[in-house]
């Protein structure tokens, strides 16, 4: 009987784990509308940008930051809207 009592908490815990629902991180529905990195690169390529060196998605700021070269071959830093793909800012590097 002592063996049964000692293992009882484990059995209860195991049963609770088996029926406990899995809770995932909440998904922001807006993220499904965000541009993917490949899509952002295609948009920038269509505008004449190339040689992408750094691509950083900033979900908090709703932007994609990119280091690339423009049509003239100059290094630039771009900020584009994460959802529309519109170029918000271009700075020569």
PDB file of N, CA and C in Angstrom:
ATOM      1  N   UNK A   1       0.810  -1.187   0.000  1.00  0.00           N
ATOM      2  CA  UNK A   1       0.000   0.000   0.000  1.00  0.00           C
ATOM      3  C   UNK A   1       0.854   1.252   0.000  1.00  0.00           C
ATOM      4  N   UNK A   2       2.010   1.216   0.653  1.00  0.00           N
ATOM      5  CA  UNK A   2       2.881   2.371   0.687  1.00  0.00           C
ATOM      6  C   UNK A   2       3.362   2.742  -0.701  1.00  0.00           C
ATOM      7  N   UNK A   3       3.601   1.777  -1.548  1.00  0.00           N
ATOM      8  CA  UNK A   3       4.047   2.040  -2.914  1.00  0.00           C
ATOM      9  C   UNK A   3       2.960   2.781  -3.680  1.00  0.00           C
ATOM     10  N   UNK A   4       1.737   2.373  -3.507  1.00  0.00           N
ATOM     11  CA  UNK A   4       0.611   3.010  -4.178  1.00  0.00           C
ATOM     12  C   UNK A   4       0.449   4.453  -3.717  1.00  0.00           C
ATOM     13  N   UNK A   5       0.573   4.720  -2.436  1.00  0.00           N
ATOM     14  CA  UNK A   5       0.439   6.076  -1.925  1.00  0.00           C
ATOM     15  C   UNK A   5       1.566   6.972  -2.438  1.00  0.00           C
ATOM     16  N   UNK A   6       2.756   6.442  -2.480  1.00  0.00           N
ATOM     17  CA  UNK A   6       3.901   7.238  -2.938  1.00  0.00           C
ATOM     18  C   UNK A   6       3.772   7.596  -4.409  1.00  0.00           C
ATOM     19  N   UNK A   7       3.202   6.717  -5.203  1.00  0.00           N
ATOM     20  CA  UNK A   7       3.103   6.990  -6.633  1.00  0.00           C
ATOM     21  C   UNK A   7       1.820   7.734  -6.999  1.00  0.00           C
ATOM     22  N   UNK A   8       0.900   7.879  -6.069  1.00  0.00           N
ATOM     23  CA  UNK A   8      -0.381   8.544  -6.346  1.00  0.00           C
ATOM     24  C   UNK A   8      -0.210   9.980  -6.851  1.00  0.00           C
ATOM     25  N   UNK A   9       0.627  10.826  -6.226  1.00  0.00           N
ATOM     26  CA  UNK A   9       0.788  12.190  -6.750  1.00  0.00           C
ATOM     27  C   UNK A   9       1.327  12.200  -8.186  1.00  0.00           C
ATOM     28  N   UNK A  10       2.204  11.272  -8.480  1.00  0.00           N
ATOM     29  CA  UNK A  10       2.741  11.194  -9.841  1.00  0.00           C
ATOM     30  C   UNK A  10       1.646  10.834 -10.834  1.00  0.00           C
ATOM     31  N   UNK A  11       0.792   9.882 -10.467  1.00  0.00           N
ATOM     32  CA  UNK A  11      -0.295   9.463 -11.363  1.00  0.00           C
ATOM     33  C   UNK A  11      -1.260  10.617 -11.591  1.00  0.00           C
ATOM     34  N   UNK A  12      -1.606  11.340 -10.533  1.00  0.00           N
ATOM     35  CA  UNK A  12      -2.504  12.492 -10.668  1.00  0.00           C
ATOM     36  C   UNK A  12      -1.876  13.544 -11.568  1.00  0.00           C
ATOM     37  N   UNK A  13      -0.595  13.823 -11.350  1.00  0.00           N
ATOM     38  CA  UNK A  13       0.103  14.808 -12.173  1.00  0.00           C
ATOM     39  C   UNK A  13       0.165  14.375 -13.630  1.00  0.00           C
ATOM     40  N   UNK A  14       0.440  13.105 -13.855  1.00  0.00           N
ATOM     41  CA  UNK A  14       0.510  12.593 -15.228  1.00  0.00           C
ATOM     42  C   UNK A  14      -0.838  12.716 -15.915  1.00  0.00           C
ATOM     43  N   UNK A  15      -1.916  12.439 -15.195  1.00  0.00           N
ATOM     44  CA  UNK A  15      -3.254  12.561 -15.784  1.00  0.00           C
ATOM     45  C   UNK A  15      -3.592  14.015 -16.095  1.00  0.00           C
ATOM     46  N   UNK A  16      -3.199  14.928 -15.218  1.00  0.00           N
ATOM     47  CA  UNK A  16      -3.455  16.340 -15.469  1.00  0.00           C
ATOM     48  C   UNK A  16      -2.688  16.824 -16.698  1.00  0.00           C
ATOM     49  N   UNK A  17      -1.466  16.355 -16.834  1.00  0.00           N
ATOM     50  CA  UNK A  17      -0.662  16.768 -17.990  1.00  0.00           C
ATOM     51  C   UNK A  17      -1.264  16.242 -19.288  1.00  0.00           C
ATOM     52  N   UNK A  18      -1.857  15.071 -19.238  1.00  0.00           N
ATOM     53  CA  UNK A  18      -2.413  14.467 -20.445  1.00  0.00           C
ATOM     54  C   UNK A  18      -3.658  15.196 -20.921  1.00  0.00           C
ATOM     55  N   UNK A  19      -4.414  15.799 -20.019  1.00  0.00           N
ATOM     56  CA  UNK A  19      -5.657  16.452 -20.420  1.00  0.00           C
ATOM     57  C   UNK A  19      -5.558  17.970 -20.416  1.00  0.00           C
ATOM     58  N   UNK A  20      -4.441  18.513 -19.982  1.00  0.00           N
ATOM     59  CA  UNK A  20      -4.308  19.977 -19.941  1.00  0.00           C
ATOM     60  C   UNK A  20      -4.194  20.515 -21.360  1.00  0.00           C
ATOM     61  N   UNK A  21      -4.898  21.581 -21.659  1.00  0.00           N
ATOM     62  CA  UNK A  21      -4.816  22.142 -23.007  1.00  0.00           C
ATOM     63  C   UNK A  21      -3.451  22.790 -23.248  1.00  0.00           C
ATOM     64  N   UNK A  22      -3.035  22.759 -24.477  1.00  0.00           N
ATOM     65  CA  UNK A  22      -1.785  23.400 -24.857  1.00  0.00           C
ATOM     66  C   UNK A  22      -2.099  24.854 -25.173  1.00  0.00           C
ATOM     67  N   UNK A  23      -1.393  25.758 -24.548  1.00  0.00           N
ATOM     68  CA  UNK A  23      -1.623  27.180 -24.750  1.00  0.00           C
ATOM     69  C   UNK A  23      -0.465  27.734 -25.559  1.00  0.00           C
ATOM     70  N   UNK A  24      -0.757  28.263 -26.725  1.00  0.00           N
ATOM     71  CA  UNK A  24       0.273  28.841 -27.583  1.00  0.00           C
ATOM     72  C   UNK A  24       0.273  30.348 -27.419  1.00  0.00           C
ATOM     73  N   UNK A  25       1.350  30.956 -27.868  1.00  0.00           N
ATOM     74  CA  UNK A  25       1.400  32.413 -27.873  1.00  0.00           C
ATOM     75  C   UNK A  25       0.307  32.937 -28.792  1.00  0.00           C
ATOM     76  N   UNK A  26      -0.363  33.998 -28.394  1.00  0.00           N
ATOM     77  CA  UNK A  26      -1.397  34.550 -29.267  1.00  0.00           C
ATOM     78  C   UNK A  26      -0.781  35.074 -30.567  1.00  0.00           C
ATOM     79  N   UNK A  27      -1.474  34.837 -31.645  1.00  0.00           N
ATOM     80  CA  UNK A  27      -0.998  35.273 -32.953  1.00  0.00           C
ATOM     81  C   UNK A  27      -1.698  36.569 -33.313  1.00  0.00           C
ATOM     82  N   UNK A  28      -0.917  37.552 -33.690  1.00  0.00           N
ATOM     83  CA  UNK A  28      -1.473  38.833 -34.109  1.00  0.00           C
ATOM     84  C   UNK A  28      -2.004  38.672 -35.526  1.00  0.00           C
ATOM     85  N   UNK A  29      -3.306  38.880 -35.753  1.00  0.00           N
ATOM     86  CA  UNK A  29      -3.870  38.716 -37.093  1.00  0.00           C
ATOM     87  C   UNK A  29      -3.216  39.630 -38.124  1.00  0.00           C
ATOM     88  N   UNK A  30      -2.692  40.754 -37.690  1.00  0.00           N
ATOM     89  CA  UNK A  30      -2.049  41.677 -38.624  1.00  0.00           C
ATOM     90  C   UNK A  30      -0.768  41.077 -39.197  1.00  0.00           C
ATOM     91  N   UNK A  31      -0.126  40.164 -38.451  1.00  0.00           N
ATOM     92  CA  UNK A  31       1.105  39.552 -38.948  1.00  0.00           C
ATOM     93  C   UNK A  31       0.870  38.755 -40.220  1.00  0.00           C
ATOM     94  N   UNK A  32      -0.314  38.233 -40.409  1.00  0.00           N
ATOM     95  CA  UNK A  32      -0.593  37.491 -41.637  1.00  0.00           C
ATOM     96  C   UNK A  32      -0.665  38.436 -42.833  1.00  0.00           C
ATOM     97  N   UNK A  33      -0.828  39.728 -42.584  1.00  0.00           N
ATOM     98  CA  UNK A  33      -0.867  40.719 -43.658  1.00  0.00           C
ATOM     99  C   UNK A  33       0.503  41.328 -43.928  1.00  0.00           C
ATOM    100  N   UNK A  34       1.472  41.033 -43.074  1.00  0.00           N
ATOM    101  CA  UNK A  34       2.809  41.610 -43.215  1.00  0.00           C
ATOM    102  C   UNK A  34       3.518  41.008 -44.429  1.00  0.00           C
ATOM    103  N   UNK A  35       4.377  41.820 -45.025  1.00  0.00           N
ATOM    104  CA  UNK A  35       5.188  41.341 -46.139  1.00  0.00           C
ATOM    105  C   UNK A  35       6.188  40.308 -45.644  1.00  0.00           C
ATOM    106  N   UNK A  36       6.480  39.351 -46.475  1.00  0.00           N
ATOM    107  CA  UNK A  36       7.567  38.435 -46.175  1.00  0.00           C
ATOM    108  C   UNK A  36       8.853  39.077 -46.670  1.00  0.00           C
ATOM    109  N   UNK A  37       9.981  38.614 -46.186  1.00  0.00           N
ATOM    110  CA  UNK A  37      11.266  39.161 -46.631  1.00  0.00           C
ATOM    111  C   UNK A  37      11.454  38.949 -48.132  1.00  0.00           C
ATOM    112  N   UNK A  38      11.186  37.760 -48.680  1.00  0.00           N
ATOM    113  CA  UNK A  38      11.338  37.601 -50.135  1.00  0.00           C
ATOM    114  C   UNK A  38      10.451  38.564 -50.946  1.00  0.00           C
ATOM    115  N   UNK A  39       9.237  38.791 -50.475  1.00  0.00           N
ATOM    116  CA  UNK A  39       8.335  39.703 -51.184  1.00  0.00           C
ATOM    117  C   UNK A  39       8.862  41.141 -51.111  1.00  0.00           C
ATOM    118  N   UNK A  40       9.376  41.533 -49.943  1.00  0.00           N
ATOM    119  CA  UNK A  40       9.955  42.872 -49.787  1.00  0.00           C
ATOM    120  C   UNK A  40      11.153  43.042 -50.719  1.00  0.00           C
ATOM    121  N   UNK A  41      11.989  42.019 -50.814  1.00  0.00           N
ATOM    122  CA  UNK A  41      13.152  42.088 -51.698  1.00  0.00           C
ATOM    123  C   UNK A  41      12.732  42.219 -53.157  1.00  0.00           C
ATOM    124  N   UNK A  42      11.698  41.501 -53.556  1.00  0.00           N
ATOM    125  CA  UNK A  42      11.198  41.608 -54.937  1.00  0.00           C
ATOM    126  C   UNK A  42      10.695  43.020 -55.222  1.00  0.00           C
ATOM    127  N   UNK A  43       9.979  43.598 -54.260  1.00  0.00           N
ATOM    128  CA  UNK A  43       9.488  44.965 -54.436  1.00  0.00           C
ATOM    129  C   UNK A  43      10.660  45.941 -54.596  1.00  0.00           C
ATOM    130  N   UNK A  44      11.679  45.780 -53.756  1.00  0.00           N
ATOM    131  CA  UNK A  44      12.843  46.666 -53.842  1.00  0.00           C
ATOM    132  C   UNK A  44      13.613  46.444 -55.137  1.00  0.00           C
ATOM    133  N   UNK A  45      13.726  45.209 -55.581  1.00  0.00           N
ATOM    134  CA  UNK A  45      14.393  44.919 -56.854  1.00  0.00           C
ATOM    135  C   UNK A  45      13.656  45.579 -58.014  1.00  0.00           C
ATOM    136  N   UNK A  46      12.340  45.588 -57.948  1.00  0.00           N
ATOM    137  CA  UNK A  46      11.567  46.219 -59.019  1.00  0.00           C
ATOM    138  C   UNK A  46      11.778  47.730 -59.052  1.00  0.00           C
ATOM    139  N   UNK A  47      12.266  48.299 -57.931  1.00  0.00           N
ATOM    140  CA  UNK A  47      12.573  49.728 -57.849  1.00  0.00           C
ATOM    141  C   UNK A  47      14.045  50.008 -58.159  1.00  0.00           C
ATOM    142  N   UNK A  48      14.807  48.952 -58.487  1.00  0.00           N
ATOM    143  CA  UNK A  48      16.201  49.136 -58.865  1.00  0.00           C
ATOM    144  C   UNK A  48      17.217  48.902 -57.774  1.00  0.00           C
ATOM    145  N   UNK A  49      16.788  48.464 -56.610  1.00  0.00           N
ATOM    146  CA  UNK A  49      17.718  48.185 -55.518  1.00  0.00           C
ATOM    147  C   UNK A  49      18.255  46.765 -55.652  1.00  0.00           C
ATOM    148  N   UNK A  50      19.497  46.576 -55.212  1.00  0.00           N
ATOM    149  CA  UNK A  50      20.121  45.256 -55.299  1.00  0.00           C
ATOM    150  C   UNK A  50      21.197  45.131 -54.223  1.00  0.00           C
ATOM    151  N   UNK A  51      21.896  44.011 -54.205  1.00  0.00           N
ATOM    152  CA  UNK A  51      22.988  43.744 -53.266  1.00  0.00           C
ATOM    153  C   UNK A  51      22.531  43.961 -51.818  1.00  0.00           C
ATOM    154  N   UNK A  52      21.499  43.247 -51.427  1.00  0.00           N
ATOM    155  CA  UNK A  52      20.937  43.376 -50.085  1.00  0.00           C
ATOM    156  C   UNK A  52      21.909  42.793 -49.061  1.00  0.00           C
ATOM    157  N   UNK A  53      22.280  43.605 -48.078  1.00  0.00           N
ATOM    158  CA  UNK A  53      23.248  43.194 -47.072  1.00  0.00           C
ATOM    159  C   UNK A  53      22.616  42.911 -45.723  1.00  0.00           C
ATOM    160  N   UNK A  54      21.662  43.688 -45.354  1.00  0.00           N
ATOM    161  CA  UNK A  54      21.032  43.527 -44.039  1.00  0.00           C
ATOM    162  C   UNK A  54      19.543  43.778 -44.194  1.00  0.00           C
ATOM    163  N   UNK A  55      18.760  42.859 -43.702  1.00  0.00           N
ATOM    164  CA  UNK A  55      17.309  43.010 -43.727  1.00  0.00           C
ATOM    165  C   UNK A  55      16.813  42.715 -42.319  1.00  0.00           C
ATOM    166  N   UNK A  56      16.145  43.698 -41.729  1.00  0.00           N
ATOM    167  CA  UNK A  56      15.680  43.558 -40.346  1.00  0.00           C
ATOM    168  C   UNK A  56      14.195  43.908 -40.289  1.00  0.00           C
ATOM    169  N   UNK A  57      13.395  42.975 -39.837  1.00  0.00           N
ATOM    170  CA  UNK A  57      11.957  43.203 -39.699  1.00  0.00           C
ATOM    171  C   UNK A  57      11.697  43.743 -38.297  1.00  0.00           C
ATOM    172  N   UNK A  58      11.115  44.924 -38.239  1.00  0.00           N
ATOM    173  CA  UNK A  58      10.782  45.590 -36.974  1.00  0.00           C
ATOM    174  C   UNK A  58       9.259  45.569 -36.811  1.00  0.00           C
ATOM    175  N   UNK A  59       8.748  44.504 -36.187  1.00  0.00           N
ATOM    176  CA  UNK A  59       7.293  44.378 -36.011  1.00  0.00           C
ATOM    177  C   UNK A  59       6.726  45.506 -35.151  1.00  0.00           C
ATOM    178  N   UNK A  60       7.465  45.914 -34.126  1.00  0.00           N
ATOM    179  CA  UNK A  60       6.985  46.973 -33.230  1.00  0.00           C
ATOM    180  C   UNK A  60       6.802  48.297 -33.968  1.00  0.00           C
ATOM    181  N   UNK A  61       7.663  48.547 -34.946  1.00  0.00           N
ATOM    182  CA  UNK A  61       7.613  49.815 -35.676  1.00  0.00           C
ATOM    183  C   UNK A  61       6.926  49.669 -37.036  1.00  0.00           C
ATOM    184  N   UNK A  62       6.469  48.469 -37.355  1.00  0.00           N
ATOM    185  CA  UNK A  62       5.791  48.179 -38.627  1.00  0.00           C
ATOM    186  C   UNK A  62       6.672  48.537 -39.823  1.00  0.00           C
ATOM    187  N   UNK A  63       7.953  48.180 -39.728  1.00  0.00           N
ATOM    188  CA  UNK A  63       8.907  48.529 -40.782  1.00  0.00           C
ATOM    189  C   UNK A  63       9.825  47.353 -41.097  1.00  0.00           C
ATOM    190  N   UNK A  64      10.386  47.426 -42.280  1.00  0.00           N
ATOM    191  CA  UNK A  64      11.490  46.559 -42.666  1.00  0.00           C
ATOM    192  C   UNK A  64      12.653  47.484 -42.972  1.00  0.00           C
ATOM    193  N   UNK A  65      13.785  47.252 -42.310  1.00  0.00           N
ATOM    194  CA  UNK A  65      14.985  48.052 -42.548  1.00  0.00           C
ATOM    195  C   UNK A  65      15.919  47.231 -43.432  1.00  0.00           C
ATOM    196  N   UNK A  66      16.457  47.880 -44.464  1.00  0.00           N
ATOM    197  CA  UNK A  66      17.281  47.172 -45.436  1.00  0.00           C
ATOM    198  C   UNK A  66      18.514  47.994 -45.775  1.00  0.00           C
ATOM    199  N   UNK A  67      19.657  47.336 -45.848  1.00  0.00           N
ATOM    200  CA  UNK A  67      20.866  47.944 -46.395  1.00  0.00           C
ATOM    201  C   UNK A  67      21.067  47.320 -47.769  1.00  0.00           C
ATOM    202  N   UNK A  68      21.237  48.171 -48.780  1.00  0.00           N
ATOM    203  CA  UNK A  68      21.344  47.692 -50.156  1.00  0.00           C
ATOM    204  C   UNK A  68      22.094  48.726 -50.990  1.00  0.00           C
ATOM    205  N   UNK A  69      22.049  48.549 -52.294  1.00  0.00           N
ATOM    206  CA  UNK A  69      22.593  49.527 -53.245  1.00  0.00           C
ATOM    207  C   UNK A  69      21.463  50.006 -54.143  1.00  0.00           C
ATOM    208  N   UNK A  70      21.528  51.298 -54.503  1.00  0.00           N
ATOM    209  CA  UNK A  70      20.509  51.855 -55.396  1.00  0.00           C
ATOM    210  C   UNK A  70      20.934  51.693 -56.855  1.00  0.00           C
ATOM    211  N   UNK A  71      20.152  52.225 -57.782  1.00  0.00           N
ATOM    212  CA  UNK A  71      20.427  52.097 -59.222  1.00  0.00           C
ATOM    213  C   UNK A  71      21.809  52.634 -59.581  1.00  0.00           C
ATOM    214  N   UNK A  72      22.274  53.631 -58.851  1.00  0.00           N
ATOM    215  CA  UNK A  72      23.578  54.247 -59.135  1.00  0.00           C
ATOM    216  C   UNK A  72      24.732  53.500 -58.472  1.00  0.00           C
ATOM    217  N   UNK A  73      24.441  52.476 -57.722  1.00  0.00           N
ATOM    218  CA  UNK A  73      25.473  51.690 -57.058  1.00  0.00           C
ATOM    219  C   UNK A  73      25.853  52.203 -55.681  1.00  0.00           C
ATOM    220  N   UNK A  74      25.175  53.240 -55.212  1.00  0.00           N
ATOM    221  CA  UNK A  74      25.467  53.797 -53.885  1.00  0.00           C
ATOM    222  C   UNK A  74      24.850  52.927 -52.792  1.00  0.00           C
ATOM    223  N   UNK A  75      25.580  52.804 -51.672  1.00  0.00           N
ATOM    224  CA  UNK A  75      25.024  52.093 -50.525  1.00  0.00           C
ATOM    225  C   UNK A  75      23.946  52.962 -49.897  1.00  0.00           C
ATOM    226  N   UNK A  76      22.809  52.336 -49.588  1.00  0.00           N
ATOM    227  CA  UNK A  76      21.693  53.054 -48.974  1.00  0.00           C
ATOM    228  C   UNK A  76      21.106  52.235 -47.835  1.00  0.00           C
ATOM    229  N   UNK A  77      20.463  52.937 -46.936  1.00  0.00           N
ATOM    230  CA  UNK A  77      19.661  52.311 -45.890  1.00  0.00           C
ATOM    231  C   UNK A  77      18.218  52.705 -46.142  1.00  0.00           C
ATOM    232  N   UNK A  78      17.358  51.713 -46.250  1.00  0.00           N
ATOM    233  CA  UNK A  78      15.947  51.936 -46.557  1.00  0.00           C
ATOM    234  C   UNK A  78      15.073  51.528 -45.393  1.00  0.00           C
ATOM    235  N   UNK A  79      13.964  52.207 -45.277  1.00  0.00           N
ATOM    236  CA  UNK A  79      12.903  51.782 -44.365  1.00  0.00           C
ATOM    237  C   UNK A  79      11.648  51.654 -45.208  1.00  0.00           C
ATOM    238  N   UNK A  80      11.006  50.505 -45.120  1.00  0.00           N
ATOM    239  CA  UNK A  80       9.762  50.329 -45.872  1.00  0.00           C
ATOM    240  C   UNK A  80       8.666  49.852 -44.936  1.00  0.00           C
ATOM    241  N   UNK A  81       7.447  50.214 -45.277  1.00  0.00           N
ATOM    242  CA  UNK A  81       6.294  49.838 -44.480  1.00  0.00           C
ATOM    243  C   UNK A  81       6.123  48.323 -44.539  1.00  0.00           C
ATOM    244  N   UNK A  82       5.960  47.706 -43.392  1.00  0.00           N
ATOM    245  CA  UNK A  82       5.861  46.259 -43.280  1.00  0.00           C
ATOM    246  C   UNK A  82       4.612  45.697 -43.950  1.00  0.00           C
ATOM    247  N   UNK A  83       3.580  46.508 -44.098  1.00  0.00           N
ATOM    248  CA  UNK A  83       2.313  46.018 -44.635  1.00  0.00           C
ATOM    249  C   UNK A  83       2.034  46.467 -46.063  1.00  0.00           C
ATOM    250  N   UNK A  84       2.448  47.678 -46.425  1.00  0.00           N
ATOM    251  CA  UNK A  84       2.154  48.173 -47.774  1.00  0.00           C
ATOM    252  C   UNK A  84       3.333  48.031 -48.722  1.00  0.00           C
ATOM    253  N   UNK A  85       4.546  47.945 -48.176  1.00  0.00           N
ATOM    254  CA  UNK A  85       5.732  47.884 -49.020  1.00  0.00           C
ATOM    255  C   UNK A  85       6.210  49.253 -49.481  1.00  0.00           C
ATOM    256  N   UNK A  86       5.519  50.293 -49.057  1.00  0.00           N
ATOM    257  CA  UNK A  86       5.901  51.650 -49.454  1.00  0.00           C
ATOM    258  C   UNK A  86       7.231  52.015 -48.798  1.00  0.00           C
ATOM    259  N   UNK A  87       8.130  52.621 -49.579  1.00  0.00           N
ATOM    260  CA  UNK A  87       9.416  53.062 -49.053  1.00  0.00           C
ATOM    261  C   UNK A  87       9.194  54.331 -48.261  1.00  0.00           C
ATOM    262  N   UNK A  88       9.543  54.282 -46.984  1.00  0.00           N
ATOM    263  CA  UNK A  88       9.312  55.404 -46.079  1.00  0.00           C
ATOM    264  C   UNK A  88      10.490  56.366 -46.006  1.00  0.00           C
ATOM    265  N   UNK A  89      11.708  55.827 -46.131  1.00  0.00           N
ATOM    266  CA  UNK A  89      12.898  56.644 -45.988  1.00  0.00           C
ATOM    267  C   UNK A  89      14.065  55.978 -46.696  1.00  0.00           C
ATOM    268  N   UNK A  90      14.901  56.800 -47.323  1.00  0.00           N
ATOM    269  CA  UNK A  90      16.137  56.331 -47.961  1.00  0.00           C
ATOM    270  C   UNK A  90      17.264  57.255 -47.525  1.00  0.00           C
ATOM    271  N   UNK A  91      18.316  56.672 -46.982  1.00  0.00           N
ATOM    272  CA  UNK A  91      19.485  57.446 -46.581  1.00  0.00           C
ATOM    273  C   UNK A  91      20.711  56.866 -47.267  1.00  0.00           C
ATOM    274  N   UNK A  92      21.568  57.755 -47.779  1.00  0.00           N
ATOM    275  CA  UNK A  92      22.835  57.286 -48.336  1.00  0.00           C
ATOM    276  C   UNK A  92      23.727  56.843 -47.190  1.00  0.00           C
ATOM    277  N   UNK A  93      24.401  55.750 -47.395  1.00  0.00           N
ATOM    278  CA  UNK A  93      25.266  55.217 -46.340  1.00  0.00           C
ATOM    279  C   UNK A  93      26.691  55.674 -46.537  1.00  0.00           C
TER     280      UNK A  93
END
